[in-house]
Protein backbone atom coordinates (compact mmCIF):
# COMPACT_ATOMS: atom_id res chain seq x y z
CA MET A 1 11.04 30.57 7.83
CA HIS A 2 14.23 29.18 6.37
CA ARG A 3 14.24 25.71 4.94
CA ARG A 4 16.19 23.32 7.14
CA THR A 5 17.37 19.75 7.28
CA LEU A 6 16.30 17.93 10.44
CA LEU A 7 19.33 16.52 12.22
CA THR A 8 18.34 16.55 15.90
CA GLY A 9 15.21 16.13 18.00
CA LEU A 10 12.81 14.50 15.55
CA ALA A 11 15.80 13.02 13.76
CA ALA A 12 16.58 10.83 16.75
CA SER A 13 13.32 8.94 16.32
CA LEU A 14 12.45 9.52 12.67
CA LEU A 15 15.65 9.70 10.68
CA PRO A 16 18.16 6.97 11.62
CA LEU A 17 20.92 6.58 9.06
CA ALA A 18 20.86 2.77 9.05
CA SER A 19 18.54 -0.05 9.94
CA ALA A 20 19.24 -1.93 13.13
CA GLN A 21 18.97 -5.14 11.12
CA GLY A 22 22.20 -4.38 9.25
CA GLU A 23 23.16 -4.35 5.60
CA PRO A 24 21.31 -6.95 3.51
CA GLY A 25 23.11 -9.62 1.54
CA PRO A 26 23.54 -9.87 -2.24
CA ALA A 27 20.04 -11.25 -2.88
CA TRP A 28 18.52 -7.91 -1.96
CA ARG A 29 17.75 -4.91 -4.18
CA ARG A 30 18.33 -1.38 -2.90
CA TYR A 31 16.23 1.65 -3.81
CA GLU A 32 16.26 5.35 -3.10
CA VAL A 33 12.81 6.95 -3.15
CA THR A 34 12.45 10.74 -3.08
CA THR A 35 9.20 12.61 -2.43
CA THR A 36 9.23 16.36 -3.11
CA ILE A 37 6.31 18.63 -2.24
CA ASP A 38 5.84 22.38 -2.77
CA LEU A 39 2.55 23.70 -1.43
CA ALA A 40 3.28 27.44 -1.92
CA PRO A 41 1.69 29.93 -2.48
CA ARG A 42 -1.26 28.79 -0.35
CA ASP A 43 -2.05 31.36 2.33
CA ALA A 44 -3.88 29.22 4.90
CA ALA A 45 -2.62 26.91 7.59
CA VAL A 46 -1.76 23.51 6.08
CA GLN A 47 -1.40 19.99 7.47
CA LEU A 48 0.41 17.34 5.44
CA TRP A 49 0.73 13.61 6.08
CA LEU A 50 3.10 11.29 4.25
CA PRO A 51 3.22 7.48 4.42
CA LEU A 52 6.60 6.10 5.47
CA ALA A 53 8.25 2.96 4.17
CA GLY A 54 9.85 0.87 6.86
CA ASP A 55 10.52 -2.57 8.31
CA VAL A 56 7.04 -3.96 7.61
CA GLY A 57 8.26 -7.54 7.22
CA PRO A 58 11.36 -9.66 6.66
CA TYR A 59 11.19 -8.87 2.94
CA GLN A 60 11.83 -5.12 3.36
CA ARG A 61 14.40 -3.18 5.40
CA ARG A 62 14.78 0.52 5.98
CA LEU A 63 18.37 1.68 5.54
CA GLY A 64 18.03 5.42 5.89
CA ARG A 65 15.70 8.40 5.83
CA ARG A 66 16.44 12.10 5.31
CA LEU A 67 13.98 14.96 5.63
CA THR A 68 14.29 18.61 4.62
CA THR A 69 11.40 20.99 5.28
CA ASP A 70 10.52 24.53 6.31
CA GLY A 71 7.53 23.26 8.31
CA ARG A 72 7.08 21.64 11.70
CA ALA A 73 7.68 17.90 11.24
CA THR A 74 6.50 15.23 13.68
CA LEU A 75 6.49 11.46 13.69
CA VAL A 76 2.93 10.41 14.57
CA ARG A 77 1.02 7.12 14.77
CA ASP A 78 -2.63 6.43 14.10
CA ALA A 79 -4.72 5.09 16.94
CA ARG A 80 -5.86 1.76 15.44
CA TYR A 81 -2.80 0.38 13.65
CA ARG A 82 -0.01 2.39 15.33
CA THR A 83 1.35 3.03 11.84
CA PRO A 84 4.21 5.58 11.78
CA LEU A 85 3.39 8.60 9.61
CA LEU A 86 5.15 11.88 8.90
CA GLU A 87 3.07 14.94 9.72
CA VAL A 88 4.28 18.37 8.59
CA SER A 89 2.37 21.55 9.40
CA TRP A 90 2.55 25.26 8.60
CA GLN A 91 0.59 27.93 10.47
CA SER A 92 1.20 31.00 8.29
CA ALA A 93 1.72 32.00 4.69
CA GLY A 94 5.09 31.42 3.06
CA PRO A 95 7.12 28.63 1.48
CA ARG A 96 5.86 25.15 2.18
CA ALA A 97 8.35 22.60 0.91
CA VAL A 98 9.22 19.03 1.88
CA THR A 99 11.85 16.66 0.54
CA LEU A 100 11.80 13.14 1.96
CA VAL A 101 14.47 10.67 0.84
CA GLU A 102 14.06 7.04 1.90
CA THR A 103 16.57 4.27 1.21
CA LEU A 104 15.37 0.69 1.43
CA SER A 105 16.30 -2.85 0.52
CA THR A 106 13.82 -5.46 -0.61
CA GLN A 107 13.93 -9.17 -1.28
CA ASP A 108 11.46 -11.17 -3.40
CA ARG A 109 8.89 -12.54 -1.05
CA ALA A 110 7.09 -15.77 -0.27
CA ALA A 111 5.23 -16.68 2.94
CA ASP A 112 7.17 -15.40 5.93
CA GLY A 113 6.34 -17.85 8.73
CA ASP A 114 5.21 -15.25 11.29
CA ALA A 115 2.94 -16.48 14.09
CA LEU A 116 -0.18 -14.60 15.20
CA THR A 117 -1.68 -14.48 18.66
CA PRO A 118 -5.43 -15.15 19.00
CA ALA A 119 -5.93 -11.40 19.52
CA GLU A 120 -4.04 -10.62 16.32
CA GLN A 121 -6.06 -13.20 14.43
CA ARG A 122 -9.26 -11.52 15.63
CA PHE A 123 -7.91 -8.09 14.67
CA TRP A 124 -7.11 -9.12 11.09
CA THR A 125 -10.47 -10.86 10.56
CA ALA A 126 -12.54 -7.97 11.99
CA ALA A 127 -14.84 -5.93 9.76
CA THR A 128 -14.02 -2.28 9.04
CA PRO A 129 -16.19 0.35 7.30
CA SER A 130 -14.76 -0.47 3.85
CA LEU A 131 -14.29 -4.18 4.58
CA PRO A 132 -17.63 -5.53 5.85
CA THR A 133 -17.72 -9.27 6.43
CA ASP A 134 -21.48 -9.84 6.73
CA GLY A 135 -24.31 -9.44 4.24
CA ILE A 136 -23.41 -9.96 0.60
CA VAL A 137 -19.69 -10.17 1.40
CA GLY A 138 -20.19 -13.00 3.87
CA ALA A 139 -22.66 -14.80 1.60
CA THR A 140 -20.28 -14.57 -1.37
CA ALA A 141 -17.36 -15.89 0.67
CA ALA A 142 -19.46 -18.81 1.92
CA ARG A 143 -20.52 -19.69 -1.61
CA ILE A 144 -16.96 -19.52 -2.96
CA THR A 145 -15.47 -21.70 -0.20
CA ALA A 146 -18.31 -24.23 0.08
CA GLY A 147 -16.91 -27.75 0.38
CA GLN A 148 -13.40 -26.53 1.25
CA SER A 149 -12.24 -27.11 4.82
CA GLU A 150 -8.46 -26.65 4.57
CA PRO A 151 -7.45 -22.95 4.92
CA ARG A 152 -5.05 -22.90 1.96
CA ALA A 153 -7.67 -24.50 -0.31
CA ARG A 154 -10.26 -21.96 0.89
CA LEU A 155 -7.80 -19.15 0.16
CA ARG A 156 -7.04 -20.52 -3.30
CA ALA A 157 -10.76 -20.75 -4.06
CA ILE A 158 -11.19 -17.07 -3.15
CA TYR A 159 -8.12 -16.07 -5.15
CA ASP A 160 -9.28 -17.93 -8.26
CA TRP A 161 -12.78 -16.47 -7.96
CA VAL A 162 -11.41 -12.92 -7.70
CA VAL A 163 -9.07 -13.42 -10.67
CA ASP A 164 -11.82 -14.97 -12.80
CA ASN A 165 -14.61 -12.53 -11.96
CA THR A 166 -12.96 -9.11 -11.71
CA PHE A 167 -11.38 -6.92 -14.38
CA ARG A 168 -9.00 -3.99 -14.42
CA ASP A 169 -10.72 -0.78 -15.48
CA GLY A 170 -8.16 1.65 -16.87
CA ALA A 171 -10.59 4.57 -16.42
CA THR A 172 -10.64 4.15 -12.62
CA ARG A 173 -8.95 7.08 -10.85
CA GLY A 174 -5.88 6.33 -8.79
CA CYS A 175 -5.93 2.87 -7.26
CA GLY A 176 -9.71 2.75 -6.94
CA ALA A 177 -12.13 3.32 -4.08
CA GLY A 178 -12.11 -0.16 -2.54
CA SER A 179 -15.89 -0.19 -2.03
CA ILE A 180 -16.20 -3.97 -2.05
CA GLU A 181 -19.80 -4.19 -0.82
CA ARG A 182 -20.98 -1.92 -3.63
CA MET A 183 -18.97 -3.93 -6.16
CA LEU A 184 -20.79 -7.11 -5.14
CA GLN A 185 -24.20 -5.46 -4.90
CA THR A 186 -23.97 -3.97 -8.39
CA GLY A 187 -22.08 -6.85 -9.97
CA LEU A 188 -19.63 -4.34 -11.43
CA LEU A 189 -16.39 -6.02 -10.39
CA GLY A 190 -14.03 -3.69 -12.23
CA GLY A 191 -11.48 -1.31 -10.83
CA LYS A 192 -7.85 -1.21 -9.84
CA CYS A 193 -5.74 -2.64 -7.04
CA ALA A 194 -7.62 -1.14 -4.06
CA ASP A 195 -10.83 -2.59 -5.52
CA ILE A 196 -9.61 -6.02 -6.64
CA ASN A 197 -7.19 -6.74 -3.81
CA GLY A 198 -9.56 -5.11 -1.32
CA LEU A 199 -12.21 -7.60 -2.46
CA MET A 200 -9.68 -10.40 -1.90
CA VAL A 201 -9.06 -9.18 1.65
CA GLY A 202 -12.74 -8.71 2.50
CA LEU A 203 -13.78 -12.13 1.21
CA SER A 204 -10.89 -13.77 3.07
CA ARG A 205 -11.85 -12.12 6.36
CA ALA A 206 -15.46 -13.15 5.82
CA ALA A 207 -14.21 -16.74 5.39
CA GLY A 208 -12.37 -16.52 8.73
CA ILE A 209 -8.88 -16.06 7.25
CA PRO A 210 -6.83 -13.18 8.73
CA ALA A 211 -6.13 -10.82 5.85
CA ARG A 212 -4.89 -7.30 5.14
CA ASP A 213 -3.98 -4.95 2.33
CA ALA A 214 -0.39 -3.74 1.98
CA TYR A 215 -0.32 -0.19 0.61
CA GLY A 216 2.79 0.86 -1.27
CA ILE A 217 4.39 1.96 -4.53
CA ARG A 218 6.33 0.39 -7.42
CA VAL A 219 9.96 1.50 -7.34
CA GLY A 220 11.82 -0.52 -9.97
CA PRO A 221 11.45 -2.33 -13.29
CA SER A 222 10.11 -5.87 -13.17
CA ARG A 223 12.49 -8.70 -14.00
CA LEU A 224 9.50 -10.84 -14.95
CA VAL A 225 6.77 -8.74 -16.59
CA LYS A 226 7.48 -5.26 -17.91
CA GLN A 227 3.90 -4.09 -17.31
CA LEU A 228 4.38 -4.65 -13.56
CA GLY A 229 7.33 -2.33 -13.04
CA ALA A 230 8.05 1.39 -12.68
CA SER A 231 11.13 3.54 -12.15
CA GLY A 232 12.27 7.12 -12.48
CA ASP A 233 9.15 9.22 -12.06
CA ILE A 234 6.84 6.98 -9.99
CA THR A 235 4.36 9.67 -8.96
CA HIS A 236 1.50 7.58 -10.39
CA ALA A 237 2.90 4.13 -9.52
CA GLN A 238 1.08 3.47 -6.22
CA HIS A 239 -0.03 -0.14 -5.82
CA CYS A 240 -1.60 -2.10 -2.98
CA ARG A 241 -1.22 -5.83 -2.51
CA ALA A 242 -2.87 -8.41 -0.24
CA GLU A 243 -1.66 -10.97 2.26
CA MET A 244 -3.45 -13.63 4.27
CA TRP A 245 -2.28 -15.52 7.33
CA LEU A 246 -2.20 -19.31 7.17
CA ALA A 247 -1.27 -21.46 10.16
CA GLY A 248 2.09 -23.12 9.55
CA GLU A 249 2.96 -20.74 6.71
CA GLY A 250 2.57 -17.24 8.14
CA TRP A 251 1.61 -14.19 6.11
CA PHE A 252 0.97 -15.48 2.59
CA PRO A 253 1.30 -12.90 -0.25
CA VAL A 254 -1.10 -12.73 -3.20
CA ASP A 255 -1.82 -10.19 -5.92
CA PRO A 256 -4.89 -10.93 -8.07
CA ALA A 257 -5.01 -7.27 -9.15
CA ASP A 258 -1.69 -7.62 -10.96
CA VAL A 259 -2.96 -10.68 -12.80
CA ARG A 260 -5.78 -8.53 -14.15
CA LYS A 261 -3.35 -5.68 -14.89
CA LEU A 262 -1.26 -8.03 -17.01
CA VAL A 263 -4.35 -9.22 -18.91
CA LEU A 264 -5.38 -5.65 -19.73
CA GLU A 265 -2.06 -3.97 -20.42
CA ALA A 266 -0.41 -6.84 -22.30
CA ASN A 267 -3.69 -7.57 -24.13
CA LEU A 268 -3.48 -11.27 -23.30
CA PRO A 269 -6.28 -13.82 -22.88
CA MET A 270 -6.74 -15.38 -19.45
CA ASP A 271 -5.73 -18.81 -20.75
CA SER A 272 -2.46 -17.63 -22.31
CA PRO A 273 0.71 -19.30 -20.96
CA ALA A 274 2.06 -15.95 -19.70
CA VAL A 275 -1.07 -15.18 -17.69
CA ARG A 276 -1.36 -18.72 -16.32
CA ALA A 277 2.27 -18.58 -15.17
CA GLN A 278 1.83 -15.23 -13.40
CA ARG A 279 -1.50 -16.31 -11.92
CA ASP A 280 0.20 -19.26 -10.22
CA ARG A 281 3.25 -17.23 -9.20
CA MET A 282 1.19 -14.44 -7.62
CA PHE A 283 -0.49 -16.92 -5.31
CA GLY A 284 2.26 -16.98 -2.69
CA ASN A 285 4.88 -14.61 -4.12
CA TRP A 286 5.61 -10.92 -4.62
CA GLU A 287 8.38 -9.59 -6.81
CA MET A 288 9.83 -6.85 -4.63
CA ASN A 289 10.36 -4.09 -7.17
CA TRP A 290 7.76 -2.47 -4.90
CA ILE A 291 7.88 -1.12 -1.36
CA ALA A 292 5.20 -1.32 1.34
CA TYR A 293 4.09 1.64 3.44
CA ASN A 294 1.50 0.19 5.81
CA HIS A 295 -1.49 -2.14 6.32
CA ALA A 296 -3.84 0.55 7.61
CA THR A 297 -7.27 0.23 5.99
CA ASP A 298 -9.78 2.90 7.08
CA ILE A 299 -7.00 4.82 8.78
CA ALA A 300 -7.84 7.92 10.84
CA LEU A 301 -5.10 10.54 10.42
CA PRO A 302 -3.97 11.79 13.83
CA GLY A 303 -4.75 15.47 14.34
CA ALA A 304 -6.77 15.83 11.13
CA LEU A 305 -9.70 18.27 11.17
CA ARG A 306 -11.79 15.96 8.99
CA PRO A 307 -11.63 12.39 7.63
CA MET A 308 -9.61 12.15 4.43
CA SER A 309 -11.29 11.22 1.17
CA GLU A 310 -9.43 7.91 0.76
CA HIS A 311 -9.62 5.11 3.34
CA PHE A 312 -5.88 4.43 3.05
CA LEU A 313 -2.70 6.55 3.15
CA MET A 314 -0.82 5.60 -0.01
CA TYR A 315 -0.51 9.12 -1.46
CA PRO A 316 0.52 12.39 0.21
CA CYS A 317 -2.48 13.94 1.96
CA ALA A 318 -2.79 17.67 2.68
CA MET A 319 -5.61 19.63 4.29
CA THR A 320 -6.29 23.36 4.60
CA ALA A 321 -9.15 25.27 6.19
CA GLY A 322 -10.80 25.15 2.77
CA GLY A 323 -10.65 21.37 2.47
CA GLU A 324 -8.45 18.52 1.33
CA LEU A 325 -6.16 18.82 -1.70
CA ASP A 326 -6.81 16.25 -4.41
CA GLN A 327 -4.36 13.41 -3.70
CA LEU A 328 -4.80 12.07 -7.24
CA ALA A 329 -3.84 15.35 -8.96
CA PRO A 330 -0.11 15.72 -8.22
CA ASP A 331 0.33 18.55 -10.71
CA THR A 332 -2.08 20.82 -8.85
CA PHE A 333 -1.28 19.38 -5.41
CA ARG A 334 2.36 19.90 -6.47
CA TYR A 335 4.18 16.74 -5.48
CA ARG A 336 6.48 14.33 -7.28
CA ILE A 337 7.91 10.92 -6.34
CA THR A 338 11.00 9.44 -7.99
CA SER A 339 12.98 6.26 -7.48
CA ARG A 340 16.30 4.80 -8.53
CA GLU A 341 17.89 1.44 -7.91
CA LEU A 342 21.22 1.60 -6.13
CA THR A 343 24.19 -0.61 -6.78
CA ALA A 344 25.98 -2.24 -3.89
């Protein structure tokens, strides 16, 4: 099969050249993110899923998307979250290549003011397999928030507890497993963003605060803290964040995992001025040198023959009859992600 660029059919729904929201103003940063995948010379049928960056909130806008592949590409959505995903499949031996180019604009983010219906509030406080809200999770949340009745104060108590009691473990593979119940049961509160921010989300839900992870990737250098940026080859720069909904404020962004990343990678004590400043800033703000893919925790990939190993789609995921390729080994999986900031 010859490699082709999709310009019709799927392109009508998947590959618009510009966002309907129009070109952002000068306060926005623009990025081009390119994912290249080469699965040859595998000789079995292959299914591939890629997360897509899009208009997930007022802080991020999709400007364009281009796809070139020799496989069958389809825009699909998972059943629970209705998250748009790119599925590419091949049924016979031969070249298996994908190049996805996404162009986006981002704007540094504070609370966004969105309202939630009662049904949406229930959805974002519900337990999921990796985010239980009863047992030790519920008991820990109750202990942390005891004596606090105002939602923002309850949220700040959870945030401070997570920052003070967790640690970033550089030996953790990828972004971590996000097994928050096991973390609390063992008392081993180390890991990376899916562990630390996942704990933030689970404790918040257990306290009755709508909460969700935002799975994405760093795409540019930080203007504030060099350890919290990435550009060029960003194949290993995946990062998830957390946001909680507060009445009167909307979705409220936090990132305790990046506080712990700064402590580890800058070798700074928790009470240093730099850490204190970022700790306060990351309660209610995200620097948007990062793009979001989705909020889909415990996602079920549509059409997959088996559940994937991770409970989130933040990396490319490919499956063959022999099993799933290792998402966290891009050299053997054979994928690469790059980014560059665009000038106006």
